[in-house]
N, C-alpha and C. Protein backbone atom coordinates (compact mmCIF):
# COMPACT_ATOMS: atom_id res chain seq x y z
N MET A 1 -15.06 -59.30 -1.08
CA MET A 1 -16.51 -59.51 -1.16
C MET A 1 -16.81 -60.97 -0.86
N ARG A 2 -17.95 -61.20 -0.24
CA ARG A 2 -18.42 -62.56 0.04
C ARG A 2 -18.68 -63.26 -1.29
N ASP A 3 -18.31 -64.54 -1.40
CA ASP A 3 -18.49 -65.21 -2.69
C ASP A 3 -19.19 -66.57 -2.60
N ARG A 4 -19.63 -66.96 -1.40
CA ARG A 4 -20.48 -68.15 -1.20
C ARG A 4 -21.66 -67.66 -0.38
N ILE A 5 -22.79 -67.50 -1.05
CA ILE A 5 -23.91 -66.77 -0.46
C ILE A 5 -25.17 -67.61 -0.49
N VAL A 6 -25.88 -67.62 0.64
CA VAL A 6 -27.20 -68.25 0.72
C VAL A 6 -28.21 -67.14 0.93
N VAL A 7 -29.19 -67.06 0.03
CA VAL A 7 -30.32 -66.15 0.22
C VAL A 7 -31.39 -66.99 0.90
N MET A 8 -31.70 -66.61 2.14
CA MET A 8 -32.55 -67.44 3.00
C MET A 8 -33.82 -66.72 3.44
N GLY A 9 -34.77 -67.51 3.92
CA GLY A 9 -36.02 -66.99 4.46
C GLY A 9 -37.14 -67.99 4.21
N VAL A 10 -38.29 -67.68 4.73
CA VAL A 10 -39.45 -68.56 4.58
C VAL A 10 -39.96 -68.51 3.15
N SER A 11 -40.82 -69.44 2.84
CA SER A 11 -41.41 -69.49 1.51
C SER A 11 -42.15 -68.20 1.20
N GLY A 12 -42.00 -67.73 -0.02
CA GLY A 12 -42.69 -66.52 -0.45
C GLY A 12 -41.93 -65.24 -0.24
N CYS A 13 -40.74 -65.30 0.36
CA CYS A 13 -40.00 -64.07 0.64
C CYS A 13 -39.24 -63.53 -0.57
N GLY A 14 -39.10 -64.34 -1.61
CA GLY A 14 -38.41 -63.88 -2.81
C GLY A 14 -36.99 -64.41 -2.95
N LYS A 15 -36.69 -65.50 -2.25
CA LYS A 15 -35.33 -66.06 -2.28
C LYS A 15 -34.82 -66.29 -3.69
N SER A 16 -35.59 -66.99 -4.50
CA SER A 16 -35.13 -67.36 -5.84
C SER A 16 -34.89 -66.11 -6.70
N THR A 17 -35.82 -65.20 -6.66
CA THR A 17 -35.69 -63.97 -7.46
C THR A 17 -34.47 -63.17 -7.04
N VAL A 18 -34.30 -62.98 -5.75
CA VAL A 18 -33.17 -62.19 -5.25
C VAL A 18 -31.85 -62.92 -5.48
N ALA A 19 -31.82 -64.22 -5.21
CA ALA A 19 -30.58 -64.98 -5.41
C ALA A 19 -30.15 -64.95 -6.87
N GLU A 20 -31.10 -65.11 -7.77
CA GLU A 20 -30.77 -65.06 -9.20
C GLU A 20 -30.26 -63.68 -9.59
N GLY A 21 -30.89 -62.63 -9.05
CA GLY A 21 -30.45 -61.27 -9.35
C GLY A 21 -29.08 -60.95 -8.77
N VAL A 22 -28.81 -61.43 -7.56
CA VAL A 22 -27.50 -61.21 -6.93
C VAL A 22 -26.41 -61.93 -7.73
N ALA A 23 -26.68 -63.18 -8.11
CA ALA A 23 -25.70 -63.93 -8.90
C ALA A 23 -25.39 -63.21 -10.20
N ALA A 24 -26.41 -62.72 -10.87
CA ALA A 24 -26.20 -61.99 -12.13
C ALA A 24 -25.38 -60.73 -11.90
N ALA A 25 -25.71 -59.99 -10.84
CA ALA A 25 -25.01 -58.73 -10.55
C ALA A 25 -23.54 -58.98 -10.21
N LEU A 26 -23.24 -60.13 -9.61
CA LEU A 26 -21.87 -60.45 -9.22
C LEU A 26 -21.12 -61.24 -10.31
N GLY A 27 -21.81 -61.58 -11.39
CA GLY A 27 -21.19 -62.39 -12.43
C GLY A 27 -20.95 -63.82 -11.97
N GLY A 28 -21.83 -64.31 -11.11
CA GLY A 28 -21.66 -65.63 -10.53
C GLY A 28 -22.69 -66.64 -11.00
N THR A 29 -22.73 -67.75 -10.28
CA THR A 29 -23.63 -68.85 -10.59
C THR A 29 -24.76 -68.89 -9.57
N TYR A 30 -25.98 -69.08 -10.05
CA TYR A 30 -27.16 -69.19 -9.21
C TYR A 30 -27.64 -70.64 -9.19
N VAL A 31 -28.00 -71.13 -8.00
CA VAL A 31 -28.60 -72.45 -7.84
C VAL A 31 -29.84 -72.29 -6.98
N ASP A 32 -30.94 -72.90 -7.40
CA ASP A 32 -32.16 -72.88 -6.59
C ASP A 32 -32.14 -74.11 -5.69
N GLY A 33 -32.10 -73.89 -4.39
CA GLY A 33 -32.07 -74.99 -3.43
C GLY A 33 -33.26 -75.92 -3.57
N ASP A 34 -34.39 -75.43 -4.04
CA ASP A 34 -35.55 -76.29 -4.23
C ASP A 34 -35.25 -77.40 -5.23
N ASP A 35 -34.36 -77.13 -6.20
CA ASP A 35 -34.01 -78.14 -7.20
C ASP A 35 -33.20 -79.28 -6.60
N LEU A 36 -32.68 -79.10 -5.39
CA LEU A 36 -31.85 -80.11 -4.75
C LEU A 36 -32.64 -81.00 -3.79
N HIS A 37 -33.91 -80.69 -3.58
CA HIS A 37 -34.76 -81.53 -2.72
C HIS A 37 -34.93 -82.90 -3.34
N PRO A 38 -34.89 -83.95 -2.54
CA PRO A 38 -35.27 -85.26 -3.08
C PRO A 38 -36.77 -85.25 -3.39
N GLN A 39 -37.16 -86.10 -4.30
CA GLN A 39 -38.56 -86.16 -4.72
C GLN A 39 -39.49 -86.40 -3.53
N SER A 40 -39.02 -87.18 -2.55
CA SER A 40 -39.87 -87.47 -1.38
C SER A 40 -40.21 -86.19 -0.61
N ASN A 41 -39.27 -85.26 -0.52
CA ASN A 41 -39.55 -83.98 0.15
C ASN A 41 -40.57 -83.16 -0.64
N ILE A 42 -40.40 -83.11 -1.94
CA ILE A 42 -41.33 -82.34 -2.78
C ILE A 42 -42.73 -82.91 -2.67
N GLU A 43 -42.83 -84.23 -2.71
CA GLU A 43 -44.15 -84.87 -2.59
C GLU A 43 -44.78 -84.57 -1.24
N LYS A 44 -43.99 -84.61 -0.20
CA LYS A 44 -44.50 -84.35 1.15
C LYS A 44 -45.02 -82.92 1.25
N MET A 45 -44.22 -81.95 0.80
CA MET A 45 -44.65 -80.56 0.86
C MET A 45 -45.86 -80.31 -0.04
N SER A 46 -45.90 -80.96 -1.20
CA SER A 46 -47.04 -80.81 -2.12
C SER A 46 -48.34 -81.27 -1.48
N ARG A 47 -48.23 -82.23 -0.57
CA ARG A 47 -49.42 -82.71 0.16
C ARG A 47 -49.78 -81.80 1.33
N GLY A 48 -48.96 -80.76 1.55
CA GLY A 48 -49.21 -79.84 2.65
C GLY A 48 -48.61 -80.28 3.96
N GLU A 49 -47.70 -81.25 3.92
CA GLU A 49 -47.06 -81.76 5.13
C GLU A 49 -45.72 -81.06 5.33
N PRO A 50 -45.49 -80.48 6.51
CA PRO A 50 -44.20 -79.85 6.78
C PRO A 50 -43.08 -80.89 6.82
N LEU A 51 -41.90 -80.49 6.40
CA LEU A 51 -40.73 -81.35 6.49
C LEU A 51 -40.27 -81.44 7.94
N THR A 52 -39.71 -82.57 8.28
CA THR A 52 -39.08 -82.75 9.59
C THR A 52 -37.58 -82.50 9.44
N ASP A 53 -36.89 -82.41 10.56
CA ASP A 53 -35.44 -82.27 10.48
C ASP A 53 -34.83 -83.47 9.76
N ALA A 54 -35.36 -84.66 10.00
CA ALA A 54 -34.84 -85.85 9.32
C ALA A 54 -34.98 -85.74 7.81
N ASP A 55 -36.06 -85.10 7.35
CA ASP A 55 -36.24 -84.86 5.91
C ASP A 55 -35.22 -83.85 5.39
N ARG A 56 -34.91 -82.87 6.22
CA ARG A 56 -34.08 -81.75 5.77
C ARG A 56 -32.58 -82.03 5.76
N TRP A 57 -32.07 -82.86 6.69
CA TRP A 57 -30.62 -83.02 6.81
C TRP A 57 -29.92 -83.40 5.51
N PRO A 58 -30.37 -84.43 4.79
CA PRO A 58 -29.68 -84.77 3.53
C PRO A 58 -29.75 -83.63 2.51
N TRP A 59 -30.89 -82.96 2.47
CA TRP A 59 -31.05 -81.83 1.54
C TRP A 59 -30.09 -80.71 1.90
N LEU A 60 -30.00 -80.36 3.18
CA LEU A 60 -29.09 -79.29 3.61
C LEU A 60 -27.63 -79.65 3.30
N GLN A 61 -27.29 -80.91 3.47
CA GLN A 61 -25.94 -81.37 3.12
C GLN A 61 -25.68 -81.13 1.64
N GLN A 62 -26.64 -81.47 0.81
CA GLN A 62 -26.51 -81.27 -0.64
C GLN A 62 -26.41 -79.79 -0.98
N VAL A 63 -27.20 -78.96 -0.31
CA VAL A 63 -27.14 -77.51 -0.53
C VAL A 63 -25.73 -77.00 -0.24
N GLY A 64 -25.17 -77.38 0.90
CA GLY A 64 -23.83 -76.93 1.26
C GLY A 64 -22.77 -77.42 0.30
N GLU A 65 -22.84 -78.69 -0.06
CA GLU A 65 -21.86 -79.24 -1.00
C GLU A 65 -21.93 -78.53 -2.35
N THR A 66 -23.14 -78.27 -2.81
CA THR A 66 -23.32 -77.57 -4.08
C THR A 66 -22.77 -76.16 -3.99
N LEU A 67 -23.01 -75.50 -2.88
CA LEU A 67 -22.51 -74.13 -2.69
C LEU A 67 -20.99 -74.09 -2.71
N GLY A 68 -20.37 -75.10 -2.14
CA GLY A 68 -18.92 -75.13 -2.05
C GLY A 68 -18.22 -75.53 -3.33
N GLN A 69 -18.95 -76.06 -4.29
CA GLN A 69 -18.37 -76.50 -5.55
C GLN A 69 -18.26 -75.35 -6.54
N GLY A 70 -17.44 -75.54 -7.55
CA GLY A 70 -17.39 -74.61 -8.67
C GLY A 70 -16.67 -73.32 -8.35
N VAL A 71 -16.64 -72.49 -9.36
CA VAL A 71 -15.94 -71.21 -9.29
C VAL A 71 -16.86 -70.17 -8.64
N PRO A 72 -16.36 -69.44 -7.63
CA PRO A 72 -17.19 -68.39 -7.02
C PRO A 72 -17.24 -67.17 -7.93
N PRO A 73 -18.20 -66.29 -7.70
CA PRO A 73 -19.22 -66.37 -6.65
C PRO A 73 -20.33 -67.36 -7.00
N ARG A 74 -20.84 -67.97 -5.93
CA ARG A 74 -21.97 -68.90 -6.05
C ARG A 74 -23.05 -68.43 -5.08
N VAL A 75 -24.27 -68.41 -5.59
CA VAL A 75 -25.41 -67.93 -4.81
C VAL A 75 -26.49 -69.00 -4.88
N ILE A 76 -26.98 -69.39 -3.71
CA ILE A 76 -28.02 -70.41 -3.66
C ILE A 76 -29.20 -69.90 -2.84
N ALA A 77 -30.40 -70.21 -3.31
CA ALA A 77 -31.62 -69.88 -2.58
C ALA A 77 -32.00 -71.09 -1.74
N CYS A 78 -32.12 -70.89 -0.43
CA CYS A 78 -32.43 -71.99 0.49
C CYS A 78 -33.05 -71.40 1.75
N SER A 79 -34.10 -72.01 2.25
CA SER A 79 -34.79 -71.46 3.42
C SER A 79 -33.88 -71.30 4.63
N ALA A 80 -33.03 -72.29 4.93
CA ALA A 80 -32.07 -72.21 6.05
C ALA A 80 -32.71 -71.63 7.31
N LEU A 81 -33.82 -72.20 7.72
CA LEU A 81 -34.66 -71.61 8.77
C LEU A 81 -34.07 -71.64 10.17
N LYS A 82 -33.26 -72.64 10.48
CA LYS A 82 -32.70 -72.74 11.83
C LYS A 82 -31.19 -72.52 11.79
N ARG A 83 -30.66 -72.07 12.92
CA ARG A 83 -29.21 -71.89 13.01
C ARG A 83 -28.48 -73.19 12.70
N ALA A 84 -28.99 -74.31 13.20
CA ALA A 84 -28.34 -75.60 12.93
C ALA A 84 -28.32 -75.91 11.44
N TYR A 85 -29.35 -75.49 10.73
CA TYR A 85 -29.39 -75.69 9.27
C TYR A 85 -28.30 -74.85 8.60
N ARG A 86 -28.19 -73.60 9.04
CA ARG A 86 -27.17 -72.71 8.46
C ARG A 86 -25.77 -73.25 8.75
N GLU A 87 -25.58 -73.77 9.95
CA GLU A 87 -24.28 -74.34 10.31
C GLU A 87 -23.99 -75.58 9.47
N ARG A 88 -25.01 -76.42 9.22
CA ARG A 88 -24.82 -77.62 8.39
C ARG A 88 -24.42 -77.21 6.97
N ILE A 89 -25.08 -76.21 6.42
CA ILE A 89 -24.77 -75.75 5.07
C ILE A 89 -23.32 -75.27 5.01
N ALA A 90 -22.92 -74.44 5.97
CA ALA A 90 -21.55 -73.91 5.98
C ALA A 90 -20.52 -75.02 6.13
N ALA A 91 -20.79 -75.99 7.00
CA ALA A 91 -19.85 -77.10 7.19
C ALA A 91 -19.73 -77.93 5.91
N ALA A 92 -20.84 -78.18 5.26
CA ALA A 92 -20.82 -78.97 4.03
C ALA A 92 -20.15 -78.21 2.88
N ALA A 93 -20.26 -76.89 2.89
CA ALA A 93 -19.61 -76.07 1.85
C ALA A 93 -18.10 -76.10 2.00
N GLY A 94 -17.64 -76.24 3.23
CA GLY A 94 -16.20 -76.30 3.48
C GLY A 94 -15.49 -74.97 3.30
N THR A 95 -16.23 -73.89 3.37
CA THR A 95 -15.66 -72.56 3.21
C THR A 95 -16.57 -71.55 3.90
N ASP A 96 -16.14 -70.31 3.97
CA ASP A 96 -16.99 -69.27 4.57
C ASP A 96 -18.26 -69.09 3.74
N VAL A 97 -19.38 -69.01 4.43
CA VAL A 97 -20.67 -68.80 3.78
C VAL A 97 -21.32 -67.58 4.42
N PHE A 98 -21.91 -66.74 3.59
CA PHE A 98 -22.61 -65.55 4.07
C PHE A 98 -24.10 -65.72 3.73
N PHE A 99 -24.95 -65.28 4.64
CA PHE A 99 -26.39 -65.42 4.48
C PHE A 99 -27.05 -64.06 4.32
N LEU A 100 -27.93 -63.96 3.35
CA LEU A 100 -28.80 -62.79 3.17
C LEU A 100 -30.19 -63.26 3.56
N HIS A 101 -30.68 -62.75 4.68
CA HIS A 101 -31.98 -63.17 5.22
C HIS A 101 -33.06 -62.20 4.74
N LEU A 102 -33.99 -62.71 3.94
CA LEU A 102 -35.12 -61.91 3.47
C LEU A 102 -36.26 -62.12 4.45
N HIS A 103 -36.71 -61.02 5.03
CA HIS A 103 -37.69 -61.10 6.12
C HIS A 103 -38.81 -60.10 5.88
N GLY A 104 -40.04 -60.53 6.18
CA GLY A 104 -41.17 -59.63 5.98
C GLY A 104 -42.36 -60.04 6.81
N SER A 105 -43.40 -59.23 6.71
CA SER A 105 -44.61 -59.47 7.49
C SER A 105 -45.40 -60.65 6.94
N TYR A 106 -46.23 -61.22 7.79
CA TYR A 106 -47.08 -62.33 7.38
C TYR A 106 -47.97 -61.92 6.21
N ALA A 107 -48.49 -60.71 6.26
CA ALA A 107 -49.39 -60.25 5.19
C ALA A 107 -48.68 -60.22 3.85
N VAL A 108 -47.47 -59.69 3.81
CA VAL A 108 -46.72 -59.62 2.55
C VAL A 108 -46.37 -61.03 2.07
N LEU A 109 -45.91 -61.87 2.98
CA LEU A 109 -45.52 -63.23 2.61
C LEU A 109 -46.71 -64.03 2.07
N SER A 110 -47.82 -64.01 2.77
CA SER A 110 -48.97 -64.81 2.34
C SER A 110 -49.52 -64.30 1.01
N GLU A 111 -49.51 -63.01 0.81
CA GLU A 111 -49.98 -62.44 -0.46
C GLU A 111 -49.09 -62.90 -1.62
N ARG A 112 -47.79 -62.88 -1.39
CA ARG A 112 -46.86 -63.33 -2.44
C ARG A 112 -47.06 -64.81 -2.75
N MET A 113 -47.26 -65.61 -1.72
CA MET A 113 -47.46 -67.04 -1.96
C MET A 113 -48.74 -67.31 -2.72
N LYS A 114 -49.79 -66.57 -2.42
CA LYS A 114 -51.07 -66.76 -3.12
C LYS A 114 -50.96 -66.42 -4.60
N ASN A 115 -50.08 -65.47 -4.92
CA ASN A 115 -49.99 -64.97 -6.30
C ASN A 115 -48.94 -65.66 -7.17
N ARG A 116 -48.16 -66.57 -6.61
CA ARG A 116 -47.16 -67.22 -7.45
C ARG A 116 -47.74 -68.47 -8.07
N GLU A 117 -47.21 -68.81 -9.23
CA GLU A 117 -47.72 -69.94 -9.99
C GLU A 117 -46.65 -71.01 -10.12
N GLY A 118 -47.10 -72.25 -10.16
CA GLY A 118 -46.21 -73.35 -10.48
C GLY A 118 -45.23 -73.75 -9.39
N HIS A 119 -45.51 -73.42 -8.13
CA HIS A 119 -44.61 -73.80 -7.05
C HIS A 119 -45.29 -74.87 -6.20
N PHE A 120 -44.50 -75.85 -5.74
CA PHE A 120 -45.06 -76.98 -5.00
C PHE A 120 -45.45 -76.65 -3.57
N MET A 121 -44.98 -75.53 -3.02
CA MET A 121 -45.22 -75.21 -1.61
C MET A 121 -46.57 -74.50 -1.45
N PRO A 122 -47.54 -75.16 -0.79
CA PRO A 122 -48.84 -74.50 -0.61
C PRO A 122 -48.76 -73.41 0.47
N THR A 123 -49.63 -72.43 0.35
CA THR A 123 -49.66 -71.31 1.28
C THR A 123 -49.85 -71.77 2.72
N LYS A 124 -50.57 -72.86 2.92
CA LYS A 124 -50.85 -73.30 4.30
C LYS A 124 -49.60 -73.72 5.06
N LEU A 125 -48.48 -73.95 4.38
CA LEU A 125 -47.24 -74.31 5.09
C LEU A 125 -46.46 -73.09 5.58
N LEU A 126 -46.92 -71.89 5.24
CA LEU A 126 -46.23 -70.69 5.71
C LEU A 126 -46.19 -70.65 7.24
N ASP A 127 -47.28 -71.00 7.89
CA ASP A 127 -47.32 -70.97 9.36
C ASP A 127 -46.26 -71.90 9.95
N SER A 128 -46.09 -73.10 9.39
CA SER A 128 -45.09 -74.02 9.94
C SER A 128 -43.68 -73.50 9.68
N GLN A 129 -43.47 -72.84 8.55
CA GLN A 129 -42.14 -72.28 8.28
C GLN A 129 -41.84 -71.14 9.26
N LEU A 130 -42.81 -70.30 9.51
CA LEU A 130 -42.59 -69.20 10.46
C LEU A 130 -42.36 -69.73 11.87
N ALA A 131 -43.04 -70.83 12.22
CA ALA A 131 -42.83 -71.43 13.54
C ALA A 131 -41.44 -72.04 13.66
N THR A 132 -40.91 -72.54 12.56
CA THR A 132 -39.58 -73.16 12.54
C THR A 132 -38.47 -72.11 12.51
N LEU A 133 -38.72 -70.97 11.90
CA LEU A 133 -37.69 -69.94 11.70
C LEU A 133 -37.04 -69.50 13.01
N GLU A 134 -35.73 -69.61 13.06
CA GLU A 134 -34.93 -69.03 14.14
C GLU A 134 -34.23 -67.82 13.54
N MET A 135 -34.63 -66.65 14.00
CA MET A 135 -34.01 -65.44 13.48
C MET A 135 -32.50 -65.52 13.68
N PRO A 136 -31.74 -65.11 12.66
CA PRO A 136 -30.28 -65.15 12.81
C PRO A 136 -29.80 -64.32 13.99
N ALA A 137 -28.80 -64.85 14.67
CA ALA A 137 -28.22 -64.19 15.84
C ALA A 137 -27.14 -63.20 15.39
N PRO A 138 -26.82 -62.23 16.25
CA PRO A 138 -25.81 -61.22 15.89
C PRO A 138 -24.43 -61.80 15.56
N ASP A 139 -24.12 -62.98 16.09
CA ASP A 139 -22.80 -63.55 15.81
C ASP A 139 -22.76 -64.37 14.51
N GLU A 140 -23.87 -64.46 13.80
CA GLU A 140 -23.89 -65.20 12.54
C GLU A 140 -23.50 -64.27 11.38
N PRO A 141 -22.90 -64.84 10.32
CA PRO A 141 -22.52 -64.04 9.15
C PRO A 141 -23.75 -63.79 8.26
N VAL A 142 -24.53 -62.79 8.63
CA VAL A 142 -25.82 -62.57 7.98
C VAL A 142 -26.18 -61.09 7.98
N VAL A 143 -26.93 -60.71 6.96
CA VAL A 143 -27.59 -59.41 6.90
C VAL A 143 -29.06 -59.69 6.64
N THR A 144 -29.94 -59.03 7.39
CA THR A 144 -31.38 -59.18 7.19
C THR A 144 -31.91 -58.00 6.39
N ILE A 145 -32.72 -58.32 5.39
CA ILE A 145 -33.27 -57.31 4.49
C ILE A 145 -34.79 -57.42 4.51
N ASP A 146 -35.46 -56.29 4.69
CA ASP A 146 -36.93 -56.25 4.67
C ASP A 146 -37.41 -56.42 3.24
N ILE A 147 -38.36 -57.32 3.02
CA ILE A 147 -38.80 -57.66 1.67
C ILE A 147 -39.85 -56.73 1.08
N ASP A 148 -40.30 -55.77 1.81
CA ASP A 148 -41.38 -54.90 1.31
C ASP A 148 -40.83 -53.86 0.35
N LYS A 149 -40.21 -54.37 -0.76
CA LYS A 149 -39.59 -53.53 -1.79
C LYS A 149 -39.75 -54.26 -3.12
N THR A 150 -39.41 -53.58 -4.18
CA THR A 150 -39.43 -54.24 -5.48
C THR A 150 -38.28 -55.24 -5.56
N PRO A 151 -38.38 -56.23 -6.43
CA PRO A 151 -37.27 -57.17 -6.59
C PRO A 151 -35.95 -56.47 -6.94
N GLU A 152 -36.01 -55.45 -7.77
CA GLU A 152 -34.80 -54.72 -8.16
C GLU A 152 -34.17 -54.03 -6.96
N ALA A 153 -34.99 -53.45 -6.11
CA ALA A 153 -34.47 -52.78 -4.91
C ALA A 153 -33.88 -53.79 -3.93
N LEU A 154 -34.50 -54.96 -3.82
CA LEU A 154 -33.98 -56.00 -2.95
C LEU A 154 -32.60 -56.48 -3.42
N VAL A 155 -32.47 -56.69 -4.73
CA VAL A 155 -31.18 -57.13 -5.28
C VAL A 155 -30.13 -56.06 -5.04
N ALA A 156 -30.47 -54.81 -5.29
CA ALA A 156 -29.51 -53.72 -5.09
C ALA A 156 -29.08 -53.63 -3.63
N GLU A 157 -30.01 -53.76 -2.70
CA GLU A 157 -29.68 -53.72 -1.28
C GLU A 157 -28.81 -54.90 -0.88
N ALA A 158 -29.12 -56.07 -1.43
CA ALA A 158 -28.34 -57.27 -1.13
C ALA A 158 -26.89 -57.13 -1.64
N VAL A 159 -26.73 -56.66 -2.85
CA VAL A 159 -25.38 -56.49 -3.42
C VAL A 159 -24.60 -55.45 -2.62
N ALA A 160 -25.25 -54.37 -2.24
CA ALA A 160 -24.59 -53.35 -1.43
C ALA A 160 -24.16 -53.93 -0.09
N ALA A 161 -25.02 -54.74 0.53
CA ALA A 161 -24.68 -55.36 1.82
C ALA A 161 -23.48 -56.29 1.68
N LEU A 162 -23.43 -57.04 0.59
CA LEU A 162 -22.30 -57.94 0.36
C LEU A 162 -20.99 -57.17 0.20
N LYS A 163 -21.05 -56.04 -0.46
CA LYS A 163 -19.84 -55.22 -0.66
C LYS A 163 -19.38 -54.59 0.64
N GLU A 164 -20.32 -54.29 1.53
CA GLU A 164 -20.00 -53.67 2.82
C GLU A 164 -19.47 -54.68 3.84
N THR A 165 -19.80 -55.94 3.67
CA THR A 165 -19.43 -56.97 4.66
C THR A 165 -18.34 -57.87 4.09
N ARG A 166 -17.21 -57.33 3.91
CA ARG A 166 -16.07 -58.11 3.37
C ARG A 166 -15.57 -59.10 4.41
N THR A 167 -15.02 -60.19 3.91
CA THR A 167 -14.49 -61.22 4.81
C THR A 167 -13.20 -60.76 5.44
């Protein structure tokens, strides 16, 4: 079974919820990639300003290093929007990394973002995240899951996918 996992996707797709549920189901450790952002990134996004690649590189390095540390399984929630970002995370982890891509319609994503409380990412940045998103290619270690389900169903589908895609 895969034991270094990134639950990825744009804001509002349910990364944190699914990653936490997958980690619990696997008896592993969950880390929220948002907690690894430097304060300058959080402040920028809170102002409604999209991050640049220069903003993201140090954060992605930290995400990968954190994923590679500790006893597996380790599950981290991180947008990982571009292939280069996913490659940076895997290189920094220093081990095989598997990605669970949570993907859904604009309507579902924007509705979820409007209804969540206490998150620094404003709904208006969804468009920039979707513009940045590079859908994973067939040669990447990834499974894409449609988010139009309950959180419990998403976690169950994710765990089943991990069991089916052994290294």
